[in-house]
Each structure stands twice: as structure tokens, then as C-alpha cells.
Amino acid sequence: MISYLEFEKPVAALEARIAELRETAESGELDIASEIRRLEAKSAELLASTYKALTPWQKTQVARHPARPHFRDFVATAFSDFMPLGGDRLYGEDQAIVGGFATLDGRKVMLIGHEKGNDTQSRIRHNFGMGKPEGYRKAVRLMEMASRFGLPVVTLVDTSGAFPGVEAEERGQAEAIARSTEACLALGVPMVATIVGEGGSGGAVALASAERVLMLEHAVYSVISPEGCASILWRTSEKAPEAAEAMKVTAQDLLGLGVIDRIVREPVGGAHRDPAGTALALGKAIGEELDALAGKAPDALRALRAERFLKIGA
């Protein structure tokens, strides 16, 4: 059952009508196959035209779609032999940031990313993808392990931001994010980061300071959420659509600014309409980027990272 967003209501109405006609056709009372085909073509055309002209705010809604694939979904389809590793060896385990050894098309990698969960219980368990200090310190531990074993690092970023609670601040949230960002920049092995849903603030940058940064077509990446920006500038979250437009949060805008390096296409209608297809396309793109980085010396990789971040917006 597809969950429709507000701007998808015309498509929803058409698809509901198609479903009704299919039920009628199954009863055998009427031959309406031609009408069903006509409506299916019209629905597909409407869906394509709708997604071709999405506003930044609508893309933000797509990036937050409850059925959008998350870390575990990508692991299940694009990767194999995933062996999760837990704990930061300092405080405890954080379920919002998941990582471990994995295989991508025969290549061993260290895979790290945010997990939001896909139902109420799992979302609470994973803290809606908002990492705590122990999560970012775990990421640092895994990146250092990857360097020792000579494994490329792949990250899947999907968070509205790092957890802002008092307990996180008490345990050094800002320091943990800074250390994770530093660990990315200091890696002596290739690193490819992908924004797969929301890339929010320092909580995203801490896992995305790589020499190659990819984004799914309808993902968003920003220093603050559109609602947060609107609340600061206009004192109301109702201005979120205007904020999203001004902030240049879309993959298309960020590619032009040099913040990201590549856009990975999504199926028509968004990743939530074909999670498996999206995961396979993403895995292929990551593999191509790792192939391009293979064999580069540690100093060359660090220089690539420094160069790409220093020229952003130039």
C-alpha cells in the first residue's frame, strides 16, 4: 500500500480508480482492459511530470517519506556479508548509527550509516536516525579499523541531525561530531559518502566528509532543516517551503555548487516506489567511485578531500 504525499493526490485518485476498474474486470462482467491501460498510461505520465517539477520543499517531503529505503534496506539488497560491529568502547552502543564489515560486488568495505527505522518501535529504537556521541565515536572506531585493514569506507547518510538532547550534550556531542569529521578527513583509505534521504547539519557532515560525495536524486542536504531555518528567520515554521528554496537543499543545486560530486537517479515516483531498484543503482554508483579511487596513496586521498572541500562554492 503506497502512502501518498500531499502533492501526489491527483496521482492517488487515478491509481485508486485503476484499482476499482481492475476489481470490476476480475468479476468478468465487463471488458474494460483498454480503459485500464489508458488510465495506467495517464497515471504514469502524470507521476513522471509531477516528479520532474518538484520544488525543494516537495523534495524534502520525498526524502522524509516513511517508506523510503533506509540503511538496512540498502544493506539487504546492494551489499552482502554484513557483519555489524557495536559500541564505542567508551560509553555504550548507539542504534542510530550502524556499521560493520560488508561486501559490495566482491569488494570488502567498512559500511557505516544512519538507520531511522521503518515502524514505530524500530524508529524509537534507532532514535529516528539521530546519532548520540557514542554513535559518532563508534564511527571513528570503525574508520580507524578500516584504515588498519586497508578497507574502503562507505557511508549512507540519512539523518535530520545529531540528537540535541541534554544527555548528548553532557557526553560531548559537539566534540564527538568534530572527531568523526576529522577521522573522515584523515583516512588513508578511499571513502565514498552518499546522502540517501536527509542530510541534516553536523550530524550528516560527520559521516560525509569524503573525497566523493553522492546524493540520491530526491535526497536533501542542508545545514539546518527548512522548518528550523524558517523559525529563525520568520519566527514561523510555515515558511519552510520558502526556506527550502533559499537554502538550495536539493541534489541538483548542490551539484552545481560543488558540495556533491554525483547524483544517483531514483525510480520515477521516488525511491519508496522501488527500494530494491534504488539500492542496486546506488551500489553500482558506489562501486564505480571506489574503482576510480582504487590504488591511490593515503596522502593523495587526503589531498583530494582537502581540495574538494576548499573549492566548494568557488
C-alpha atoms as a PDB file:
ATOM      1  CA  MET A   1       0.000   0.000   0.000  1.00  0.00           C
ATOM      2  CA  ILE A   2       1.567   3.265  -1.164  1.00  0.00           C
ATOM      3  CA  SER A   3       1.442   6.230   1.203  1.00  0.00           C
ATOM      4  CA  TYR A   4       0.812   9.343  -0.889  1.00  0.00           C
ATOM      5  CA  LEU A   5       2.217  12.779  -0.194  1.00  0.00           C
ATOM      6  CA  GLU A   6       0.031  15.882  -0.427  1.00  0.00           C
ATOM      7  CA  PHE A   7       1.236  16.870  -3.905  1.00  0.00           C
ATOM      8  CA  GLU A   8       0.628  13.307  -5.167  1.00  0.00           C
ATOM      9  CA  LYS A   9      -3.154  13.424  -4.621  1.00  0.00           C
ATOM     10  CA  PRO A  10      -4.031  13.638  -8.355  1.00  0.00           C
ATOM     11  CA  VAL A  11      -1.909  10.515  -8.944  1.00  0.00           C
ATOM     12  CA  ALA A  12      -3.532   8.833  -5.934  1.00  0.00           C
ATOM     13  CA  ALA A  13      -7.005   9.490  -7.360  1.00  0.00           C
ATOM     14  CA  LEU A  14      -6.062   7.973 -10.706  1.00  0.00           C
ATOM     15  CA  GLU A  15      -4.454   4.904  -9.149  1.00  0.00           C
ATOM     16  CA  ALA A  16      -7.487   4.401  -6.903  1.00  0.00           C
ATOM     17  CA  ARG A  17      -9.741   4.496  -9.991  1.00  0.00           C
ATOM     18  CA  ILE A  18      -7.471   1.958 -11.740  1.00  0.00           C
ATOM     19  CA  ALA A  19      -7.706  -0.352  -8.719  1.00  0.00           C
ATOM     20  CA  GLU A  20     -11.517  -0.144  -8.801  1.00  0.00           C
ATOM     21  CA  LEU A  21     -11.608  -0.975 -12.513  1.00  0.00           C
ATOM     22  CA  ARG A  22      -9.301  -3.950 -12.002  1.00  0.00           C
ATOM     23  CA  GLU A  23     -11.693  -5.338  -9.386  1.00  0.00           C
ATOM     24  CA  THR A  24     -14.567  -4.908 -11.827  1.00  0.00           C
ATOM     25  CA  ALA A  25     -12.595  -6.588 -14.609  1.00  0.00           C
ATOM     26  CA  GLU A  26     -11.796  -9.558 -12.373  1.00  0.00           C
ATOM     27  CA  SER A  27     -15.521 -10.179 -11.868  1.00  0.00           C
ATOM     28  CA  GLY A  28     -15.760 -10.833 -15.608  1.00  0.00           C
ATOM     29  CA  GLU A  29     -18.865  -8.692 -16.074  1.00  0.00           C
ATOM     30  CA  LEU A  30     -17.270  -6.094 -18.360  1.00  0.00           C
ATOM     31  CA  ASP A  31     -14.324  -5.942 -20.751  1.00  0.00           C
ATOM     32  CA  ILE A  32     -12.586  -2.728 -19.656  1.00  0.00           C
ATOM     33  CA  ALA A  33      -8.972  -3.699 -20.293  1.00  0.00           C
ATOM     34  CA  SER A  34      -8.489  -0.874 -22.794  1.00  0.00           C
ATOM     35  CA  GLU A  35      -9.780   1.713 -20.316  1.00  0.00           C
ATOM     36  CA  ILE A  36      -7.445   0.371 -17.617  1.00  0.00           C
ATOM     37  CA  ARG A  37      -4.482   0.626 -19.984  1.00  0.00           C
ATOM     38  CA  ARG A  38      -5.455   4.205 -20.886  1.00  0.00           C
ATOM     39  CA  LEU A  39      -5.648   5.234 -17.241  1.00  0.00           C
ATOM     40  CA  GLU A  40      -2.386   3.445 -16.401  1.00  0.00           C
ATOM     41  CA  ALA A  41      -0.623   5.394 -19.149  1.00  0.00           C
ATOM     42  CA  LYS A  42      -2.180   8.629 -17.923  1.00  0.00           C
ATOM     43  CA  SER A  43      -1.162   7.879 -14.330  1.00  0.00           C
ATOM     44  CA  ALA A  44       2.428   7.084 -15.332  1.00  0.00           C
ATOM     45  CA  GLU A  45       2.626  10.294 -17.364  1.00  0.00           C
ATOM     46  CA  LEU A  46       1.210  12.362 -14.504  1.00  0.00           C
ATOM     47  CA  LEU A  47       3.605  10.792 -11.986  1.00  0.00           C
ATOM     48  CA  ALA A  48       6.592  11.478 -14.241  1.00  0.00           C
ATOM     49  CA  SER A  49       5.596  15.092 -14.892  1.00  0.00           C
ATOM     50  CA  THR A  50       4.937  15.669 -11.187  1.00  0.00           C
ATOM     51  CA  TYR A  51       8.351  14.367 -10.112  1.00  0.00           C
ATOM     52  CA  LYS A  52      10.097  16.221 -12.928  1.00  0.00           C
ATOM     53  CA  ALA A  53       8.950  19.546 -11.478  1.00  0.00           C
ATOM     54  CA  LEU A  54       9.288  19.016  -7.717  1.00  0.00           C
ATOM     55  CA  THR A  55      10.013  22.082  -5.604  1.00  0.00           C
ATOM     56  CA  PRO A  56      12.768  21.927  -2.947  1.00  0.00           C
ATOM     57  CA  TRP A  57      10.103  21.593  -0.243  1.00  0.00           C
ATOM     58  CA  GLN A  58       8.409  18.728  -2.082  1.00  0.00           C
ATOM     59  CA  LYS A  59      11.790  17.010  -2.437  1.00  0.00           C
ATOM     60  CA  THR A  60      12.225  17.400   1.316  1.00  0.00           C
ATOM     61  CA  GLN A  61       8.922  15.594   1.807  1.00  0.00           C
ATOM     62  CA  VAL A  62      10.025  12.807  -0.543  1.00  0.00           C
ATOM     63  CA  ALA A  63      13.326  12.480   1.340  1.00  0.00           C
ATOM     64  CA  ARG A  64      11.312  12.004   4.544  1.00  0.00           C
ATOM     65  CA  HIS A  65       8.763   9.579   3.074  1.00  0.00           C
ATOM     66  CA  PRO A  66       8.030   6.868   5.683  1.00  0.00           C
ATOM     67  CA  ALA A  67       8.508   4.091   3.110  1.00  0.00           C
ATOM     68  CA  ARG A  68      11.803   5.442   1.756  1.00  0.00           C
ATOM     69  CA  PRO A  69      14.569   2.807   1.982  1.00  0.00           C
ATOM     70  CA  HIS A  70      16.943   3.168   4.927  1.00  0.00           C
ATOM     71  CA  PHE A  71      20.329   1.703   5.867  1.00  0.00           C
ATOM     72  CA  ARG A  72      19.067  -1.845   6.500  1.00  0.00           C
ATOM     73  CA  ASP A  73      17.201  -1.867   3.166  1.00  0.00           C
ATOM     74  CA  PHE A  74      20.312  -0.873   1.229  1.00  0.00           C
ATOM     75  CA  VAL A  75      22.384  -3.463   3.088  1.00  0.00           C
ATOM     76  CA  ALA A  76      19.892  -6.219   2.278  1.00  0.00           C
ATOM     77  CA  THR A  77      19.936  -5.530  -1.478  1.00  0.00           C
ATOM     78  CA  ALA A  78      23.179  -3.826  -2.512  1.00  0.00           C
ATOM     79  CA  PHE A  79      25.609  -5.361  -0.006  1.00  0.00           C
ATOM     80  CA  SER A  80      26.291  -8.839   1.327  1.00  0.00           C
ATOM     81  CA  ASP A  81      28.036 -10.492   4.289  1.00  0.00           C
ATOM     82  CA  PHE A  82      27.225  -7.565   6.556  1.00  0.00           C
ATOM     83  CA  MET A  83      28.798  -8.080   9.989  1.00  0.00           C
ATOM     84  CA  PRO A  84      27.629  -5.344  12.401  1.00  0.00           C
ATOM     85  CA  LEU A  85      30.083  -4.036  14.981  1.00  0.00           C
ATOM     86  CA  GLY A  86      28.784  -2.308  18.098  1.00  0.00           C
ATOM     87  CA  GLY A  87      29.919   0.012  20.831  1.00  0.00           C
ATOM     88  CA  ASP A  88      32.293   2.950  21.092  1.00  0.00           C
ATOM     89  CA  ARG A  89      34.471   1.310  23.812  1.00  0.00           C
ATOM     90  CA  LEU A  90      33.872   4.399  25.946  1.00  0.00           C
ATOM     91  CA  TYR A  91      30.207   4.593  26.917  1.00  0.00           C
ATOM     92  CA  GLY A  92      27.868   2.259  25.074  1.00  0.00           C
ATOM     93  CA  GLU A  93      26.047   1.339  21.890  1.00  0.00           C
ATOM     94  CA  ASP A  94      24.087   3.780  19.734  1.00  0.00           C
ATOM     95  CA  GLN A  95      21.423   2.280  17.475  1.00  0.00           C
ATOM     96  CA  ALA A  96      21.038   5.421  15.323  1.00  0.00           C
ATOM     97  CA  ILE A  97      24.445   4.915  13.695  1.00  0.00           C
ATOM     98  CA  VAL A  98      25.073   1.384  12.432  1.00  0.00           C
ATOM     99  CA  GLY A  99      28.270  -0.001  10.958  1.00  0.00           C
ATOM    100  CA  GLY A 100      30.370  -3.034  10.218  1.00  0.00           C
ATOM    101  CA  PHE A 101      32.149  -5.097   7.598  1.00  0.00           C
ATOM    102  CA  ALA A 102      30.300  -5.686   4.328  1.00  0.00           C
ATOM    103  CA  THR A 103      30.894  -6.811   0.754  1.00  0.00           C
ATOM    104  CA  LEU A 104      29.975  -4.714  -2.286  1.00  0.00           C
ATOM    105  CA  ASP A 105      30.224  -6.593  -5.584  1.00  0.00           C
ATOM    106  CA  GLY A 106      33.088  -8.724  -4.281  1.00  0.00           C
ATOM    107  CA  ARG A 107      34.903  -5.837  -2.607  1.00  0.00           C
ATOM    108  CA  LYS A 108      35.271  -5.775   1.191  1.00  0.00           C
ATOM    109  CA  VAL A 109      34.303  -2.408   2.714  1.00  0.00           C
ATOM    110  CA  MET A 110      33.585  -0.794   6.060  1.00  0.00           C
ATOM    111  CA  LEU A 111      29.961   0.294   5.851  1.00  0.00           C
ATOM    112  CA  ILE A 112      28.625   2.969   8.235  1.00  0.00           C
ATOM    113  CA  GLY A 113      25.338   4.859   8.191  1.00  0.00           C
ATOM    114  CA  HIS A 114      22.284   6.251   9.923  1.00  0.00           C
ATOM    115  CA  GLU A 115      19.301   3.974  10.492  1.00  0.00           C
ATOM    116  CA  LYS A 116      15.909   5.651  11.040  1.00  0.00           C
ATOM    117  CA  GLY A 117      13.758   2.538  11.372  1.00  0.00           C
ATOM    118  CA  ASN A 118      10.620   1.656   9.424  1.00  0.00           C
ATOM    119  CA  ASP A 119       7.874   1.406  12.044  1.00  0.00           C
ATOM    120  CA  THR A 120       7.102   2.977  15.415  1.00  0.00           C
ATOM    121  CA  GLN A 121       9.082   0.505  17.518  1.00  0.00           C
ATOM    122  CA  SER A 122      12.168   0.470  15.289  1.00  0.00           C
ATOM    123  CA  ARG A 123      12.125   4.260  14.925  1.00  0.00           C
ATOM    124  CA  ILE A 124      12.176   4.645  18.684  1.00  0.00           C
ATOM    125  CA  ARG A 125      14.925   2.023  18.999  1.00  0.00           C
ATOM    126  CA  HIS A 126      17.045   3.801  16.381  1.00  0.00           C
ATOM    127  CA  ASN A 127      16.182   7.246  17.775  1.00  0.00           C
ATOM    128  CA  PHE A 128      14.841   8.300  14.352  1.00  0.00           C
ATOM    129  CA  GLY A 129      18.387   8.254  12.963  1.00  0.00           C
ATOM    130  CA  MET A 130      19.626  10.990  15.308  1.00  0.00           C
ATOM    131  CA  GLY A 131      23.051   9.891  16.490  1.00  0.00           C
ATOM    132  CA  LYS A 132      24.368  10.407  20.008  1.00  0.00           C
ATOM    133  CA  PRO A 133      28.050  10.939  20.934  1.00  0.00           C
ATOM    134  CA  GLU A 134      28.634   7.210  21.321  1.00  0.00           C
ATOM    135  CA  GLY A 135      27.370   6.700  17.766  1.00  0.00           C
ATOM    136  CA  TYR A 136      29.874   9.126  16.282  1.00  0.00           C
ATOM    137  CA  ARG A 137      32.652   7.707  18.457  1.00  0.00           C
ATOM    138  CA  LYS A 138      31.729   4.248  17.197  1.00  0.00           C
ATOM    139  CA  ALA A 139      32.021   5.594  13.643  1.00  0.00           C
ATOM    140  CA  VAL A 140      35.522   6.891  14.451  1.00  0.00           C
ATOM    141  CA  ARG A 141      36.476   3.466  15.841  1.00  0.00           C
ATOM    142  CA  LEU A 142      35.253   1.727  12.694  1.00  0.00           C
ATOM    143  CA  MET A 143      37.006   4.188  10.387  1.00  0.00           C
ATOM    144  CA  GLU A 144      40.279   3.663  12.244  1.00  0.00           C
ATOM    145  CA  MET A 145      39.750  -0.105  11.963  1.00  0.00           C
ATOM    146  CA  ALA A 146      39.154   0.263   8.216  1.00  0.00           C
ATOM    147  CA  SER A 147      42.458   2.127   7.892  1.00  0.00           C
ATOM    148  CA  ARG A 148      44.334  -0.630   9.715  1.00  0.00           C
ATOM    149  CA  PHE A 149      42.861  -3.317   7.466  1.00  0.00           C
ATOM    150  CA  GLY A 150      43.116  -1.253   4.263  1.00  0.00           C
ATOM    151  CA  LEU A 151      39.366  -1.311   3.635  1.00  0.00           C
ATOM    152  CA  PRO A 152      37.478   1.456   1.777  1.00  0.00           C
ATOM    153  CA  VAL A 153      34.854   3.276   3.858  1.00  0.00           C
ATOM    154  CA  VAL A 154      31.299   3.680   2.541  1.00  0.00           C
ATOM    155  CA  THR A 155      28.766   5.796   4.420  1.00  0.00           C
ATOM    156  CA  LEU A 156      24.991   6.119   3.949  1.00  0.00           C
ATOM    157  CA  VAL A 157      23.789   9.402   5.430  1.00  0.00           C
ATOM    158  CA  ASP A 158      20.143   9.805   6.457  1.00  0.00           C
ATOM    159  CA  THR A 159      19.506  11.978   9.497  1.00  0.00           C
ATOM    160  CA  SER A 160      17.596  15.129  10.352  1.00  0.00           C
ATOM    161  CA  GLY A 161      20.575  15.961  12.580  1.00  0.00           C
ATOM    162  CA  ALA A 162      22.509  14.736  15.584  1.00  0.00           C
ATOM    163  CA  PHE A 163      20.448  14.136  18.739  1.00  0.00           C
ATOM    164  CA  PRO A 164      20.015  17.509  20.536  1.00  0.00           C
ATOM    165  CA  GLY A 165      19.087  16.163  23.988  1.00  0.00           C
ATOM    166  CA  VAL A 166      20.703  17.268  27.244  1.00  0.00           C
ATOM    167  CA  GLU A 167      22.296  13.862  27.859  1.00  0.00           C
ATOM    168  CA  ALA A 168      24.012  14.027  24.457  1.00  0.00           C
ATOM    169  CA  GLU A 169      25.447  17.441  25.258  1.00  0.00           C
ATOM    170  CA  GLU A 170      26.605  16.153  28.644  1.00  0.00           C
ATOM    171  CA  ARG A 171      28.527  13.377  26.897  1.00  0.00           C
ATOM    172  CA  GLY A 172      30.228  15.751  24.454  1.00  0.00           C
ATOM    173  CA  GLN A 173      28.072  15.746  21.317  1.00  0.00           C
ATOM    174  CA  ALA A 174      29.938  18.589  19.582  1.00  0.00           C
ATOM    175  CA  GLU A 175      33.326  17.035  20.300  1.00  0.00           C
ATOM    176  CA  ALA A 176      32.200  13.637  19.025  1.00  0.00           C
ATOM    177  CA  ILE A 177      30.896  15.140  15.771  1.00  0.00           C
ATOM    178  CA  ALA A 178      34.134  17.079  15.298  1.00  0.00           C
ATOM    179  CA  ARG A 179      36.223  13.952  15.925  1.00  0.00           C
ATOM    180  CA  SER A 180      34.164  11.978  13.412  1.00  0.00           C
ATOM    181  CA  THR A 181      34.562  14.706  10.780  1.00  0.00           C
ATOM    182  CA  GLU A 182      38.306  14.782  11.484  1.00  0.00           C
ATOM    183  CA  ALA A 183      38.513  10.994  11.180  1.00  0.00           C
ATOM    184  CA  CYS A 184      36.880  11.160   7.734  1.00  0.00           C
ATOM    185  CA  LEU A 185      39.344  13.777   6.516  1.00  0.00           C
ATOM    186  CA  ALA A 186      42.355  11.887   7.915  1.00  0.00           C
ATOM    187  CA  LEU A 187      41.500   8.487   6.422  1.00  0.00           C
ATOM    188  CA  GLY A 188      44.270   6.822   4.457  1.00  0.00           C
ATOM    189  CA  VAL A 189      41.816   4.645   2.523  1.00  0.00           C
ATOM    190  CA  PRO A 190      39.174   5.620  -0.077  1.00  0.00           C
ATOM    191  CA  MET A 191      35.898   6.967   1.267  1.00  0.00           C
ATOM    192  CA  VAL A 192      32.613   7.392  -0.601  1.00  0.00           C
ATOM    193  CA  ALA A 193      29.633   9.002   1.136  1.00  0.00           C
ATOM    194  CA  THR A 194      26.044   9.039  -0.115  1.00  0.00           C
ATOM    195  CA  ILE A 195      23.156  11.193   1.100  1.00  0.00           C
ATOM    196  CA  VAL A 196      20.266   8.732   0.752  1.00  0.00           C
ATOM    197  CA  GLY A 197      17.485  10.682   2.498  1.00  0.00           C
ATOM    198  CA  GLU A 198      18.007  13.672   4.742  1.00  0.00           C
ATOM    199  CA  GLY A 199      21.472  15.084   5.261  1.00  0.00           C
ATOM    200  CA  GLY A 200      20.980  17.330   8.253  1.00  0.00           C
ATOM    201  CA  SER A 201      23.611  19.611   9.786  1.00  0.00           C
ATOM    202  CA  GLY A 202      26.792  18.404  11.500  1.00  0.00           C
ATOM    203  CA  GLY A 203      25.180  15.056  12.174  1.00  0.00           C
ATOM    204  CA  ALA A 204      25.398  14.408   8.425  1.00  0.00           C
ATOM    205  CA  VAL A 205      28.755  16.094   7.742  1.00  0.00           C
ATOM    206  CA  ALA A 206      30.376  13.889  10.406  1.00  0.00           C
ATOM    207  CA  LEU A 207      29.842  10.881   8.109  1.00  0.00           C
ATOM    208  CA  ALA A 208      30.061  12.677   4.762  1.00  0.00           C
ATOM    209  CA  SER A 209      33.489  14.391   4.706  1.00  0.00           C
ATOM    210  CA  ALA A 210      34.697  12.107   1.931  1.00  0.00           C
ATOM    211  CA  GLU A 211      36.603  12.630  -1.309  1.00  0.00           C
ATOM    212  CA  ARG A 212      33.490  11.561  -3.233  1.00  0.00           C
ATOM    213  CA  VAL A 213      30.010  12.593  -2.083  1.00  0.00           C
ATOM    214  CA  LEU A 214      26.953  11.245  -3.892  1.00  0.00           C
ATOM    215  CA  MET A 215      23.248  12.031  -3.447  1.00  0.00           C
ATOM    216  CA  LEU A 216      20.122  10.204  -4.426  1.00  0.00           C
ATOM    217  CA  GLU A 217      18.040  12.278  -6.830  1.00  0.00           C
ATOM    218  CA  HIS A 218      15.374  13.322  -4.316  1.00  0.00           C
ATOM    219  CA  ALA A 219      17.528  13.483  -1.181  1.00  0.00           C
ATOM    220  CA  VAL A 220      18.227  16.789   0.594  1.00  0.00           C
ATOM    221  CA  TYR A 221      21.353  18.107   2.324  1.00  0.00           C
ATOM    222  CA  SER A 222      21.472  21.261   4.450  1.00  0.00           C
ATOM    223  CA  VAL A 223      22.972  22.973   7.479  1.00  0.00           C
ATOM    224  CA  ILE A 224      19.550  23.123   9.182  1.00  0.00           C
ATOM    225  CA  SER A 225      16.062  21.836   8.404  1.00  0.00           C
ATOM    226  CA  PRO A 226      13.789  24.150   6.372  1.00  0.00           C
ATOM    227  CA  GLU A 227      11.457  24.356   9.390  1.00  0.00           C
ATOM    228  CA  GLY A 228      14.346  25.328  11.657  1.00  0.00           C
ATOM    229  CA  CYS A 229      15.565  27.965   9.223  1.00  0.00           C
ATOM    230  CA  ALA A 230      12.059  29.400   8.841  1.00  0.00           C
ATOM    231  CA  SER A 231      11.595  29.527  12.620  1.00  0.00           C
ATOM    232  CA  ILE A 232      14.796  31.573  12.962  1.00  0.00           C
ATOM    233  CA  LEU A 233      14.271  33.944  10.026  1.00  0.00           C
ATOM    234  CA  TRP A 234      10.492  34.368  10.011  1.00  0.00           C
ATOM    235  CA  ARG A 235       9.572  33.147  13.508  1.00  0.00           C
ATOM    236  CA  THR A 236       7.228  30.563  11.977  1.00  0.00           C
ATOM    237  CA  SER A 237       7.771  27.083  10.525  1.00  0.00           C
ATOM    238  CA  GLU A 238       5.001  27.784   7.984  1.00  0.00           C
ATOM    239  CA  LYS A 239       7.645  29.487   5.840  1.00  0.00           C
ATOM    240  CA  ALA A 240       9.522  26.184   5.447  1.00  0.00           C
ATOM    241  CA  PRO A 241       8.824  25.973   1.665  1.00  0.00           C
ATOM    242  CA  GLU A 242      10.402  29.406   1.145  1.00  0.00           C
ATOM    243  CA  ALA A 243      13.337  28.430   3.355  1.00  0.00           C
ATOM    244  CA  ALA A 244      13.929  25.212   1.394  1.00  0.00           C
ATOM    245  CA  GLU A 245      14.004  27.218  -1.827  1.00  0.00           C
ATOM    246  CA  ALA A 246      16.504  29.750  -0.464  1.00  0.00           C
ATOM    247  CA  MET A 247      18.770  27.168   1.184  1.00  0.00           C
ATOM    248  CA  LYS A 248      19.494  25.205  -2.021  1.00  0.00           C
ATOM    249  CA  VAL A 249      18.894  21.836  -0.353  1.00  0.00           C
ATOM    250  CA  THR A 250      18.378  19.696  -3.466  1.00  0.00           C
ATOM    251  CA  ALA A 251      20.893  17.404  -5.123  1.00  0.00           C
ATOM    252  CA  GLN A 252      20.627  19.423  -8.337  1.00  0.00           C
ATOM    253  CA  ASP A 253      21.505  22.705  -6.577  1.00  0.00           C
ATOM    254  CA  LEU A 254      24.312  21.144  -4.561  1.00  0.00           C
ATOM    255  CA  LEU A 255      25.894  19.535  -7.614  1.00  0.00           C
ATOM    256  CA  GLY A 256      26.093  22.976  -9.194  1.00  0.00           C
ATOM    257  CA  LEU A 257      27.701  24.412  -6.058  1.00  0.00           C
ATOM    258  CA  GLY A 258      30.269  21.629  -5.861  1.00  0.00           C
ATOM    259  CA  VAL A 259      29.018  20.367  -2.498  1.00  0.00           C
ATOM    260  CA  ILE A 260      28.389  16.920  -4.013  1.00  0.00           C
ATOM    261  CA  ASP A 261      30.024  15.121  -6.937  1.00  0.00           C
ATOM    262  CA  ARG A 262      27.300  12.935  -8.435  1.00  0.00           C
ATOM    263  CA  ILE A 263      23.536  12.386  -8.454  1.00  0.00           C
ATOM    264  CA  VAL A 264      22.181   8.822  -8.447  1.00  0.00           C
ATOM    265  CA  ARG A 265      18.860   8.597 -10.263  1.00  0.00           C
ATOM    266  CA  GLU A 266      15.785   7.303  -8.437  1.00  0.00           C
ATOM    267  CA  PRO A 267      12.863   5.415  -9.978  1.00  0.00           C
ATOM    268  CA  VAL A 268      10.020   7.604 -11.249  1.00  0.00           C
ATOM    269  CA  GLY A 269       7.959   8.480  -8.199  1.00  0.00           C
ATOM    270  CA  GLY A 270      10.852   8.260  -5.743  1.00  0.00           C
ATOM    271  CA  ALA A 271      12.936   5.568  -4.074  1.00  0.00           C
ATOM    272  CA  HIS A 272       9.965   4.394  -1.980  1.00  0.00           C
ATOM    273  CA  ARG A 273       8.258   3.073  -5.141  1.00  0.00           C
ATOM    274  CA  ASP A 274      11.157   0.736  -5.919  1.00  0.00           C
ATOM    275  CA  PRO A 275      13.530   0.344  -2.936  1.00  0.00           C
ATOM    276  CA  ALA A 276      15.343  -2.646  -4.451  1.00  0.00           C
ATOM    277  CA  GLY A 277      15.971  -0.886  -7.753  1.00  0.00           C
ATOM    278  CA  THR A 278      17.223   2.185  -5.915  1.00  0.00           C
ATOM    279  CA  ALA A 279      19.588   0.100  -3.785  1.00  0.00           C
ATOM    280  CA  LEU A 280      21.044  -1.683  -6.815  1.00  0.00           C
ATOM    281  CA  ALA A 281      21.589   1.625  -8.664  1.00  0.00           C
ATOM    282  CA  LEU A 282      23.259   3.087  -5.595  1.00  0.00           C
ATOM    283  CA  GLY A 283      25.507   0.056  -5.126  1.00  0.00           C
ATOM    284  CA  LYS A 284      26.595   0.283  -8.775  1.00  0.00           C
ATOM    285  CA  ALA A 285      27.419   4.000  -8.439  1.00  0.00           C
ATOM    286  CA  ILE A 286      29.407   3.471  -5.237  1.00  0.00           C
ATOM    287  CA  GLY A 287      31.318   0.624  -6.842  1.00  0.00           C
ATOM    288  CA  GLU A 288      32.261   2.846  -9.801  1.00  0.00           C
ATOM    289  CA  GLU A 289      33.538   5.562  -7.476  1.00  0.00           C
ATOM    290  CA  LEU A 290      35.591   3.081  -5.457  1.00  0.00           C
ATOM    291  CA  ASP A 291      37.091   1.721  -8.684  1.00  0.00           C
ATOM    292  CA  ALA A 292      38.170   5.252  -9.630  1.00  0.00           C
ATOM    293  CA  LEU A 293      39.820   5.746  -6.222  1.00  0.00           C
ATOM    294  CA  ALA A 294      41.498   2.343  -6.017  1.00  0.00           C
ATOM    295  CA  GLY A 295      45.272   2.360  -5.796  1.00  0.00           C
ATOM    296  CA  LYS A 296      45.630   5.982  -4.695  1.00  0.00           C
ATOM    297  CA  ALA A 297      48.179   6.613  -1.944  1.00  0.00           C
ATOM    298  CA  PRO A 298      46.940   7.796   1.501  1.00  0.00           C
ATOM    299  CA  ASP A 299      48.411  11.274   1.033  1.00  0.00           C
ATOM    300  CA  ALA A 300      46.772  11.578  -2.379  1.00  0.00           C
ATOM    301  CA  LEU A 301      43.366  10.681  -0.891  1.00  0.00           C
ATOM    302  CA  ARG A 302      43.746  13.253   1.892  1.00  0.00           C
ATOM    303  CA  ALA A 303      44.751  15.861  -0.680  1.00  0.00           C
ATOM    304  CA  LEU A 304      41.647  15.047  -2.747  1.00  0.00           C
ATOM    305  CA  ARG A 305      39.420  15.615   0.280  1.00  0.00           C
ATOM    306  CA  ALA A 306      41.112  18.888   1.166  1.00  0.00           C
ATOM    307  CA  GLU A 307      40.835  20.094  -2.434  1.00  0.00           C
ATOM    308  CA  ARG A 308      37.137  19.273  -2.851  1.00  0.00           C
ATOM    309  CA  PHE A 309      36.112  20.985   0.385  1.00  0.00           C
ATOM    310  CA  LEU A 310      38.263  24.074  -0.134  1.00  0.00           C
ATOM    311  CA  LYS A 311      36.797  24.725  -3.603  1.00  0.00           C
ATOM    312  CA  ILE A 312      33.114  24.365  -2.615  1.00  0.00           C
ATOM    313  CA  GLY A 313      31.217  27.400  -3.853  1.00  0.00           C
ATOM    314  CA  ALA A 314      34.254  28.843  -5.647  1.00  0.00           C
END
